Amino acid sequence: MTSKTEQDKTLRQLTAIFHIHLELTDLHTYNTEEKMMKMLRNESKEDWKTDYILNLAENNKIEWIRGIDDPQPPDEYKKSMNQALTNILCKK
């Protein structure tokens, strides 16, 4: 079981990592569970398990930074990005 404090730290780290890769426009290259988790572990220096990150995505807990001119409402954007991550983490 992960404490609330640990989960909050993980969520902040994930938001920061994903923001960087959205800015770099390379997030789409991490399109399998193996590639995504390798990138997340390398950049976070954490030994996150796929099931842990998958649970956060499935429960729509990860915040995603979106462009100011993005026409999609923030809650829809967050849900669609968490769903996309869920799909990736289910790909071997």
PDB file of N, CA and C in Angstrom:
ATOM      1  N   MET A   1       0.844  -1.181   0.000  1.00  0.00           N
ATOM      2  CA  MET A   1       0.000   0.000   0.000  1.00  0.00           C
ATOM      3  C   MET A   1       0.889   1.245   0.000  1.00  0.00           C
ATOM      4  N   THR A   2       0.537   2.203  -0.823  1.00  0.00           N
ATOM      5  CA  THR A   2       1.296   3.438  -0.928  1.00  0.00           C
ATOM      6  C   THR A   2       0.613   4.529  -0.106  1.00  0.00           C
ATOM      7  N   SER A   3       1.406   5.282   0.643  1.00  0.00           N
ATOM      8  CA  SER A   3       0.824   6.354   1.452  1.00  0.00           C
ATOM      9  C   SER A   3       0.372   7.501   0.553  1.00  0.00           C
ATOM     10  N   LYS A   4      -0.510   8.332   1.075  1.00  0.00           N
ATOM     11  CA  LYS A   4      -1.028   9.487   0.340  1.00  0.00           C
ATOM     12  C   LYS A   4       0.116  10.416  -0.055  1.00  0.00           C
ATOM     13  N   THR A   5       1.073  10.610   0.843  1.00  0.00           N
ATOM     14  CA  THR A   5       2.213  11.476   0.567  1.00  0.00           C
ATOM     15  C   THR A   5       3.057  10.924  -0.578  1.00  0.00           C
ATOM     16  N   GLU A   6       3.311   9.609  -0.556  1.00  0.00           N
ATOM     17  CA  GLU A   6       4.081   8.976  -1.626  1.00  0.00           C
ATOM     18  C   GLU A   6       3.338   9.071  -2.952  1.00  0.00           C
ATOM     19  N   GLN A   7       2.033   8.846  -2.909  1.00  0.00           N
ATOM     20  CA  GLN A   7       1.242   8.929  -4.134  1.00  0.00           C
ATOM     21  C   GLN A   7       1.254  10.356  -4.687  1.00  0.00           C
ATOM     22  N   ASP A   8       1.119  11.339  -3.819  1.00  0.00           N
ATOM     23  CA  ASP A   8       1.156  12.738  -4.265  1.00  0.00           C
ATOM     24  C   ASP A   8       2.495  13.068  -4.922  1.00  0.00           C
ATOM     25  N   LYS A   9       3.584  12.572  -4.329  1.00  0.00           N
ATOM     26  CA  LYS A   9       4.916  12.792  -4.906  1.00  0.00           C
ATOM     27  C   LYS A   9       5.002  12.143  -6.284  1.00  0.00           C
ATOM     28  N   THR A  10       4.511  10.918  -6.391  1.00  0.00           N
ATOM     29  CA  THR A  10       4.517  10.209  -7.672  1.00  0.00           C
ATOM     30  C   THR A  10       3.712  10.977  -8.711  1.00  0.00           C
ATOM     31  N   LEU A  11       2.544  11.459  -8.330  1.00  0.00           N
ATOM     32  CA  LEU A  11       1.695  12.199  -9.267  1.00  0.00           C
ATOM     33  C   LEU A  11       2.373  13.486  -9.739  1.00  0.00           C
ATOM     34  N   ARG A  12       3.050  14.176  -8.841  1.00  0.00           N
ATOM     35  CA  ARG A  12       3.786  15.391  -9.242  1.00  0.00           C
ATOM     36  C   ARG A  12       4.917  15.037 -10.212  1.00  0.00           C
ATOM     37  N   GLN A  13       5.632  13.948  -9.915  1.00  0.00           N
ATOM     38  CA  GLN A  13       6.718  13.516 -10.798  1.00  0.00           C
ATOM     39  C   GLN A  13       6.175  13.150 -12.186  1.00  0.00           C
ATOM     40  N   LEU A  14       5.085  12.404 -12.217  1.00  0.00           N
ATOM     41  CA  LEU A  14       4.507  11.996 -13.497  1.00  0.00           C
ATOM     42  C   LEU A  14       4.059  13.211 -14.305  1.00  0.00           C
ATOM     43  N   THR A  15       3.399  14.153 -13.657  1.00  0.00           N
ATOM     44  CA  THR A  15       2.957  15.363 -14.359  1.00  0.00           C
ATOM     45  C   THR A  15       4.152  16.093 -14.963  1.00  0.00           C
ATOM     46  N   ALA A  16       5.219  16.214 -14.202  1.00  0.00           N
ATOM     47  CA  ALA A  16       6.417  16.907 -14.688  1.00  0.00           C
ATOM     48  C   ALA A  16       7.068  16.153 -15.852  1.00  0.00           C
ATOM     49  N   ILE A  17       7.196  14.852 -15.721  1.00  0.00           N
ATOM     50  CA  ILE A  17       7.816  14.042 -16.788  1.00  0.00           C
ATOM     51  C   ILE A  17       6.981  14.119 -18.058  1.00  0.00           C
ATOM     52  N   PHE A  18       5.687  13.932 -17.931  1.00  0.00           N
ATOM     53  CA  PHE A  18       4.831  13.971 -19.125  1.00  0.00           C
ATOM     54  C   PHE A  18       4.818  15.363 -19.750  1.00  0.00           C
ATOM     55  N   HIS A  19       4.860  16.400 -18.935  1.00  0.00           N
ATOM     56  CA  HIS A  19       4.892  17.764 -19.466  1.00  0.00           C
ATOM     57  C   HIS A  19       6.138  17.974 -20.325  1.00  0.00           C
ATOM     58  N   ILE A  20       7.275  17.527 -19.826  1.00  0.00           N
ATOM     59  CA  ILE A  20       8.522  17.653 -20.587  1.00  0.00           C
ATOM     60  C   ILE A  20       8.398  16.946 -21.934  1.00  0.00           C
ATOM     61  N   HIS A  21       7.855  15.733 -21.924  1.00  0.00           N
ATOM     62  CA  HIS A  21       7.777  14.969 -23.172  1.00  0.00           C
ATOM     63  C   HIS A  21       6.701  15.489 -24.120  1.00  0.00           C
ATOM     64  N   LEU A  22       5.679  16.121 -23.582  1.00  0.00           N
ATOM     65  CA  LEU A  22       4.718  16.790 -24.451  1.00  0.00           C
ATOM     66  C   LEU A  22       5.380  17.999 -25.117  1.00  0.00           C
ATOM     67  N   GLU A  23       6.183  18.731 -24.359  1.00  0.00           N
ATOM     68  CA  GLU A  23       6.919  19.871 -24.918  1.00  0.00           C
ATOM     69  C   GLU A  23       7.929  19.417 -25.971  1.00  0.00           C
ATOM     70  N   LEU A  24       8.589  18.294 -25.715  1.00  0.00           N
ATOM     71  CA  LEU A  24       9.566  17.762 -26.663  1.00  0.00           C
ATOM     72  C   LEU A  24       8.901  17.096 -27.869  1.00  0.00           C
ATOM     73  N   THR A  25       7.609  16.905 -27.786  1.00  0.00           N
ATOM     74  CA  THR A  25       6.793  16.223 -28.811  1.00  0.00           C
ATOM     75  C   THR A  25       7.307  14.815 -29.138  1.00  0.00           C
ATOM     76  N   ASP A  26       7.789  14.117 -28.110  1.00  0.00           N
ATOM     77  CA  ASP A  26       8.252  12.751 -28.330  1.00  0.00           C
ATOM     78  C   ASP A  26       7.482  11.713 -27.504  1.00  0.00           C
ATOM     79  N   LEU A  27       6.440  12.166 -26.801  1.00  0.00           N
ATOM     80  CA  LEU A  27       5.704  11.241 -25.935  1.00  0.00           C
ATOM     81  C   LEU A  27       5.136  10.062 -26.720  1.00  0.00           C
ATOM     82  N   HIS A  28       4.745  10.305 -27.962  1.00  0.00           N
ATOM     83  CA  HIS A  28       4.169   9.238 -28.788  1.00  0.00           C
ATOM     84  C   HIS A  28       5.158   8.110 -29.096  1.00  0.00           C
ATOM     85  N   THR A  29       6.442   8.354 -28.907  1.00  0.00           N
ATOM     86  CA  THR A  29       7.430   7.304 -29.207  1.00  0.00           C
ATOM     87  C   THR A  29       7.489   6.237 -28.109  1.00  0.00           C
ATOM     88  N   TYR A  30       6.920   6.541 -26.953  1.00  0.00           N
ATOM     89  CA  TYR A  30       6.881   5.580 -25.847  1.00  0.00           C
ATOM     90  C   TYR A  30       5.535   4.863 -25.902  1.00  0.00           C
ATOM     91  N   ASN A  31       5.371   4.072 -26.945  1.00  0.00           N
ATOM     92  CA  ASN A  31       4.057   3.529 -27.300  1.00  0.00           C
ATOM     93  C   ASN A  31       3.822   2.077 -26.893  1.00  0.00           C
ATOM     94  N   THR A  32       4.680   1.547 -26.041  1.00  0.00           N
ATOM     95  CA  THR A  32       4.455   0.220 -25.466  1.00  0.00           C
ATOM     96  C   THR A  32       4.712   0.306 -23.962  1.00  0.00           C
ATOM     97  N   GLU A  33       4.225  -0.665 -23.247  1.00  0.00           N
ATOM     98  CA  GLU A  33       4.431  -0.705 -21.803  1.00  0.00           C
ATOM     99  C   GLU A  33       5.924  -0.679 -21.475  1.00  0.00           C
ATOM    100  N   GLU A  34       6.700  -1.467 -22.187  1.00  0.00           N
ATOM    101  CA  GLU A  34       8.138  -1.550 -21.923  1.00  0.00           C
ATOM    102  C   GLU A  34       8.829  -0.202 -22.135  1.00  0.00           C
ATOM    103  N   LYS A  35       8.567   0.453 -23.259  1.00  0.00           N
ATOM    104  CA  LYS A  35       9.197   1.745 -23.544  1.00  0.00           C
ATOM    105  C   LYS A  35       8.748   2.820 -22.547  1.00  0.00           C
ATOM    106  N   MET A  36       7.463   2.865 -22.260  1.00  0.00           N
ATOM    107  CA  MET A  36       6.931   3.886 -21.351  1.00  0.00           C
ATOM    108  C   MET A  36       7.502   3.713 -19.944  1.00  0.00           C
ATOM    109  N   MET A  37       7.471   2.499 -19.442  1.00  0.00           N
ATOM    110  CA  MET A  37       7.952   2.269 -18.079  1.00  0.00           C
ATOM    111  C   MET A  37       9.461   2.473 -17.979  1.00  0.00           C
ATOM    112  N   LYS A  38      10.203   2.116 -19.003  1.00  0.00           N
ATOM    113  CA  LYS A  38      11.647   2.348 -18.985  1.00  0.00           C
ATOM    114  C   LYS A  38      11.925   3.848 -18.901  1.00  0.00           C
ATOM    115  N   MET A  39      11.216   4.637 -19.700  1.00  0.00           N
ATOM    116  CA  MET A  39      11.393   6.085 -19.681  1.00  0.00           C
ATOM    117  C   MET A  39      11.001   6.650 -18.312  1.00  0.00           C
ATOM    118  N   LEU A  40       9.860   6.225 -17.775  1.00  0.00           N
ATOM    119  CA  LEU A  40       9.406   6.737 -16.478  1.00  0.00           C
ATOM    120  C   LEU A  40      10.371   6.383 -15.358  1.00  0.00           C
ATOM    121  N   ARG A  41      10.863   5.157 -15.358  1.00  0.00           N
ATOM    122  CA  ARG A  41      11.815   4.744 -14.315  1.00  0.00           C
ATOM    123  C   ARG A  41      13.138   5.499 -14.438  1.00  0.00           C
ATOM    124  N   ASN A  42      13.624   5.645 -15.671  1.00  0.00           N
ATOM    125  CA  ASN A  42      14.890   6.353 -15.879  1.00  0.00           C
ATOM    126  C   ASN A  42      14.800   7.808 -15.437  1.00  0.00           C
ATOM    127  N   GLU A  43      13.719   8.469 -15.798  1.00  0.00           N
ATOM    128  CA  GLU A  43      13.614   9.896 -15.499  1.00  0.00           C
ATOM    129  C   GLU A  43      13.228  10.181 -14.057  1.00  0.00           C
ATOM    130  N   SER A  44      12.503   9.284 -13.444  1.00  0.00           N
ATOM    131  CA  SER A  44      12.081   9.502 -12.054  1.00  0.00           C
ATOM    132  C   SER A  44      13.108   8.986 -11.056  1.00  0.00           C
ATOM    133  N   LYS A  45      13.952   8.079 -11.499  1.00  0.00           N
ATOM    134  CA  LYS A  45      14.890   7.382 -10.603  1.00  0.00           C
ATOM    135  C   LYS A  45      14.134   6.571  -9.553  1.00  0.00           C
ATOM    136  N   GLU A  46      12.914   6.180  -9.902  1.00  0.00           N
ATOM    137  CA  GLU A  46      12.065   5.366  -9.021  1.00  0.00           C
ATOM    138  C   GLU A  46      11.857   4.005  -9.669  1.00  0.00           C
ATOM    139  N   ASP A  47      11.632   2.993  -8.861  1.00  0.00           N
ATOM    140  CA  ASP A  47      11.374   1.651  -9.380  1.00  0.00           C
ATOM    141  C   ASP A  47       9.863   1.395  -9.408  1.00  0.00           C
ATOM    142  N   TRP A  48       9.161   2.235 -10.152  1.00  0.00           N
ATOM    143  CA  TRP A  48       7.713   2.097 -10.235  1.00  0.00           C
ATOM    144  C   TRP A  48       7.328   0.818 -10.960  1.00  0.00           C
ATOM    145  N   LYS A  49       6.332   0.154 -10.460  1.00  0.00           N
ATOM    146  CA  LYS A  49       5.770  -1.028 -11.110  1.00  0.00           C
ATOM    147  C   LYS A  49       4.686  -0.575 -12.074  1.00  0.00           C
ATOM    148  N   THR A  50       4.546  -1.296 -13.157  1.00  0.00           N
ATOM    149  CA  THR A  50       3.540  -0.956 -14.160  1.00  0.00           C
ATOM    150  C   THR A  50       2.152  -0.901 -13.549  1.00  0.00           C
ATOM    151  N   ASP A  51       1.828  -1.856 -12.696  1.00  0.00           N
ATOM    152  CA  ASP A  51       0.488  -1.893 -12.096  1.00  0.00           C
ATOM    153  C   ASP A  51       0.189  -0.640 -11.274  1.00  0.00           C
ATOM    154  N   TYR A  52       1.195  -0.087 -10.640  1.00  0.00           N
ATOM    155  CA  TYR A  52       1.009   1.128  -9.839  1.00  0.00           C
ATOM    156  C   TYR A  52       0.644   2.318 -10.738  1.00  0.00           C
ATOM    157  N   ILE A  53       1.414   2.516 -11.802  1.00  0.00           N
ATOM    158  CA  ILE A  53       1.148   3.628 -12.724  1.00  0.00           C
ATOM    159  C   ILE A  53      -0.164   3.382 -13.462  1.00  0.00           C
ATOM    160  N   LEU A  54      -0.419   2.143 -13.836  1.00  0.00           N
ATOM    161  CA  LEU A  54      -1.664   1.792 -14.514  1.00  0.00           C
ATOM    162  C   LEU A  54      -2.872   2.125 -13.631  1.00  0.00           C
ATOM    163  N   ASN A  55      -2.777   1.818 -12.356  1.00  0.00           N
ATOM    164  CA  ASN A  55      -3.864   2.123 -11.428  1.00  0.00           C
ATOM    165  C   ASN A  55      -4.124   3.628 -11.352  1.00  0.00           C
ATOM    166  N   LEU A  56      -3.056   4.418 -11.313  1.00  0.00           N
ATOM    167  CA  LEU A  56      -3.219   5.875 -11.276  1.00  0.00           C
ATOM    168  C   LEU A  56      -3.899   6.381 -12.542  1.00  0.00           C
ATOM    169  N   ALA A  57      -3.495   5.839 -13.697  1.00  0.00           N
ATOM    170  CA  ALA A  57      -4.097   6.257 -14.969  1.00  0.00           C
ATOM    171  C   ALA A  57      -5.553   5.804 -15.064  1.00  0.00           C
ATOM    172  N   GLU A  58      -5.813   4.556 -14.701  1.00  0.00           N
ATOM    173  CA  GLU A  58      -7.187   4.031 -14.776  1.00  0.00           C
ATOM    174  C   GLU A  58      -8.144   4.812 -13.878  1.00  0.00           C
ATOM    175  N   ASN A  59      -7.628   5.318 -12.763  1.00  0.00           N
ATOM    176  CA  ASN A  59      -8.452   6.071 -11.822  1.00  0.00           C
ATOM    177  C   ASN A  59      -8.403   7.580 -12.074  1.00  0.00           C
ATOM    178  N   ASN A  60      -7.843   7.958 -13.244  1.00  0.00           N
ATOM    179  CA  ASN A  60      -7.838   9.349 -13.699  1.00  0.00           C
ATOM    180  C   ASN A  60      -7.178  10.289 -12.682  1.00  0.00           C
ATOM    181  N   LYS A  61      -6.097   9.823 -12.051  1.00  0.00           N
ATOM    182  CA  LYS A  61      -5.440  10.621 -11.009  1.00  0.00           C
ATOM    183  C   LYS A  61      -4.304  11.486 -11.532  1.00  0.00           C
ATOM    184  N   ILE A  62      -3.760  11.140 -12.694  1.00  0.00           N
ATOM    185  CA  ILE A  62      -2.614  11.876 -13.215  1.00  0.00           C
ATOM    186  C   ILE A  62      -3.103  13.171 -13.863  1.00  0.00           C
ATOM    187  N   GLU A  63      -2.477  14.281 -13.455  1.00  0.00           N
ATOM    188  CA  GLU A  63      -2.792  15.584 -14.043  1.00  0.00           C
ATOM    189  C   GLU A  63      -1.913  15.776 -15.282  1.00  0.00           C
ATOM    190  N   TRP A  64      -2.495  16.324 -16.324  1.00  0.00           N
ATOM    191  CA  TRP A  64      -1.787  16.556 -17.580  1.00  0.00           C
ATOM    192  C   TRP A  64      -1.823  18.040 -17.904  1.00  0.00           C
ATOM    193  N   ILE A  65      -0.658  18.596 -18.188  1.00  0.00           N
ATOM    194  CA  ILE A  65      -0.578  19.997 -18.590  1.00  0.00           C
ATOM    195  C   ILE A  65      -0.993  20.078 -20.057  1.00  0.00           C
ATOM    196  N   ARG A  66      -1.950  20.946 -20.338  1.00  0.00           N
ATOM    197  CA  ARG A  66      -2.401  21.089 -21.725  1.00  0.00           C
ATOM    198  C   ARG A  66      -2.137  22.494 -22.207  1.00  0.00           C
ATOM    199  N   GLY A  67      -2.068  22.635 -23.499  1.00  0.00           N
ATOM    200  CA  GLY A  67      -1.829  23.947 -24.098  1.00  0.00           C
ATOM    201  C   GLY A  67      -2.968  24.912 -23.803  1.00  0.00           C
ATOM    202  N   ILE A  68      -2.635  26.154 -23.645  1.00  0.00           N
ATOM    203  CA  ILE A  68      -3.626  27.182 -23.321  1.00  0.00           C
ATOM    204  C   ILE A  68      -4.677  27.314 -24.419  1.00  0.00           C
ATOM    205  N   ASP A  69      -4.293  27.022 -25.639  1.00  0.00           N
ATOM    206  CA  ASP A  69      -5.237  27.153 -26.753  1.00  0.00           C
ATOM    207  C   ASP A  69      -5.913  25.824 -27.111  1.00  0.00           C
ATOM    208  N   ASP A  70      -5.713  24.813 -26.294  1.00  0.00           N
ATOM    209  CA  ASP A  70      -6.361  23.519 -26.530  1.00  0.00           C
ATOM    210  C   ASP A  70      -7.866  23.682 -26.325  1.00  0.00           C
ATOM    211  N   PRO A  71      -8.663  23.371 -27.353  1.00  0.00           N
ATOM    212  CA  PRO A  71     -10.110  23.580 -27.245  1.00  0.00           C
ATOM    213  C   PRO A  71     -10.827  22.550 -26.360  1.00  0.00           C
ATOM    214  N   GLN A  72     -10.164  21.444 -26.082  1.00  0.00           N
ATOM    215  CA  GLN A  72     -10.797  20.393 -25.274  1.00  0.00           C
ATOM    216  C   GLN A  72     -10.882  20.846 -23.808  1.00  0.00           C
ATOM    217  N   PRO A  73     -12.039  20.681 -23.174  1.00  0.00           N
ATOM    218  CA  PRO A  73     -12.155  21.035 -21.754  1.00  0.00           C
ATOM    219  C   PRO A  73     -11.130  20.268 -20.909  1.00  0.00           C
ATOM    220  N   PRO A  74     -10.615  20.898 -19.855  1.00  0.00           N
ATOM    221  CA  PRO A  74      -9.567  20.270 -19.036  1.00  0.00           C
ATOM    222  C   PRO A  74      -9.912  18.880 -18.523  1.00  0.00           C
ATOM    223  N   ASP A  75     -11.132  18.667 -18.061  1.00  0.00           N
ATOM    224  CA  ASP A  75     -11.494  17.355 -17.519  1.00  0.00           C
ATOM    225  C   ASP A  75     -11.530  16.287 -18.611  1.00  0.00           C
ATOM    226  N   GLU A  76     -11.977  16.655 -19.807  1.00  0.00           N
ATOM    227  CA  GLU A  76     -11.976  15.708 -20.930  1.00  0.00           C
ATOM    228  C   GLU A  76     -10.551  15.392 -21.370  1.00  0.00           C
ATOM    229  N   TYR A  77      -9.702  16.417 -21.396  1.00  0.00           N
ATOM    230  CA  TYR A  77      -8.302  16.225 -21.773  1.00  0.00           C
ATOM    231  C   TYR A  77      -7.619  15.268 -20.801  1.00  0.00           C
ATOM    232  N   LYS A  78      -7.800  15.527 -19.504  1.00  0.00           N
ATOM    233  CA  LYS A  78      -7.204  14.676 -18.470  1.00  0.00           C
ATOM    234  C   LYS A  78      -7.674  13.235 -18.639  1.00  0.00           C
ATOM    235  N   LYS A  79      -8.969  13.049 -18.826  1.00  0.00           N
ATOM    236  CA  LYS A  79      -9.525  11.707 -18.977  1.00  0.00           C
ATOM    237  C   LYS A  79      -8.978  11.016 -20.225  1.00  0.00           C
ATOM    238  N   SER A  80      -8.905  11.736 -21.339  1.00  0.00           N
ATOM    239  CA  SER A  80      -8.417  11.120 -22.581  1.00  0.00           C
ATOM    240  C   SER A  80      -6.932  10.779 -22.504  1.00  0.00           C
ATOM    241  N   MET A  81      -6.136  11.621 -21.823  1.00  0.00           N
ATOM    242  CA  MET A  81      -4.707  11.333 -21.690  1.00  0.00           C
ATOM    243  C   MET A  81      -4.471  10.155 -20.741  1.00  0.00           C
ATOM    244  N   ASN A  82      -5.232  10.091 -19.662  1.00  0.00           N
ATOM    245  CA  ASN A  82      -5.108   8.942 -18.760  1.00  0.00           C
ATOM    246  C   ASN A  82      -5.557   7.659 -19.452  1.00  0.00           C
ATOM    247  N   GLN A  83      -6.570   7.748 -20.304  1.00  0.00           N
ATOM    248  CA  GLN A  83      -7.029   6.576 -21.050  1.00  0.00           C
ATOM    249  C   GLN A  83      -5.963   6.138 -22.051  1.00  0.00           C
ATOM    250  N   ALA A  84      -5.336   7.100 -22.708  1.00  0.00           N
ATOM    251  CA  ALA A  84      -4.263   6.770 -23.658  1.00  0.00           C
ATOM    252  C   ALA A  84      -3.105   6.082 -22.935  1.00  0.00           C
ATOM    253  N   LEU A  85      -2.738   6.582 -21.757  1.00  0.00           N
ATOM    254  CA  LEU A  85      -1.670   5.960 -20.980  1.00  0.00           C
ATOM    255  C   LEU A  85      -2.089   4.548 -20.549  1.00  0.00           C
ATOM    256  N   THR A  86      -3.317   4.390 -20.142  1.00  0.00           N
ATOM    257  CA  THR A  86      -3.836   3.052 -19.778  1.00  0.00           C
ATOM    258  C   THR A  86      -3.670   2.100 -20.950  1.00  0.00           C
ATOM    259  N   ASN A  87      -4.048   2.541 -22.134  1.00  0.00           N
ATOM    260  CA  ASN A  87      -3.930   1.697 -23.333  1.00  0.00           C
ATOM    261  C   ASN A  87      -2.484   1.311 -23.603  1.00  0.00           C
ATOM    262  N   ILE A  88      -1.573   2.257 -23.462  1.00  0.00           N
ATOM    263  CA  ILE A  88      -0.143   1.991 -23.688  1.00  0.00           C
ATOM    264  C   ILE A  88       0.375   0.974 -22.666  1.00  0.00           C
ATOM    265  N   LEU A  89       0.016   1.171 -21.414  1.00  0.00           N
ATOM    266  CA  LEU A  89       0.529   0.279 -20.371  1.00  0.00           C
ATOM    267  C   LEU A  89      -0.048  -1.134 -20.460  1.00  0.00           C
ATOM    268  N   CYS A  90      -1.081  -1.297 -21.229  1.00  0.00           N
ATOM    269  CA  CYS A  90      -1.650  -2.648 -21.442  1.00  0.00           C
ATOM    270  C   CYS A  90      -1.038  -3.317 -22.681  1.00  0.00           C
ATOM    271  N   LYS A  91      -0.189  -2.583 -23.420  1.00  0.00           N
ATOM    272  CA  LYS A  91       0.482  -3.127 -24.614  1.00  0.00           C
ATOM    273  C   LYS A  91       1.828  -3.683 -24.221  1.00  0.00           C
ATOM    274  N   LYS A  92       2.080  -4.897 -24.625  1.00  0.00           N
ATOM    275  CA  LYS A  92       3.386  -5.506 -24.351  1.00  0.00           C
ATOM    276  C   LYS A  92       4.282  -5.348 -25.545  1.00  0.00           C
TER     277      LYS A  92
END
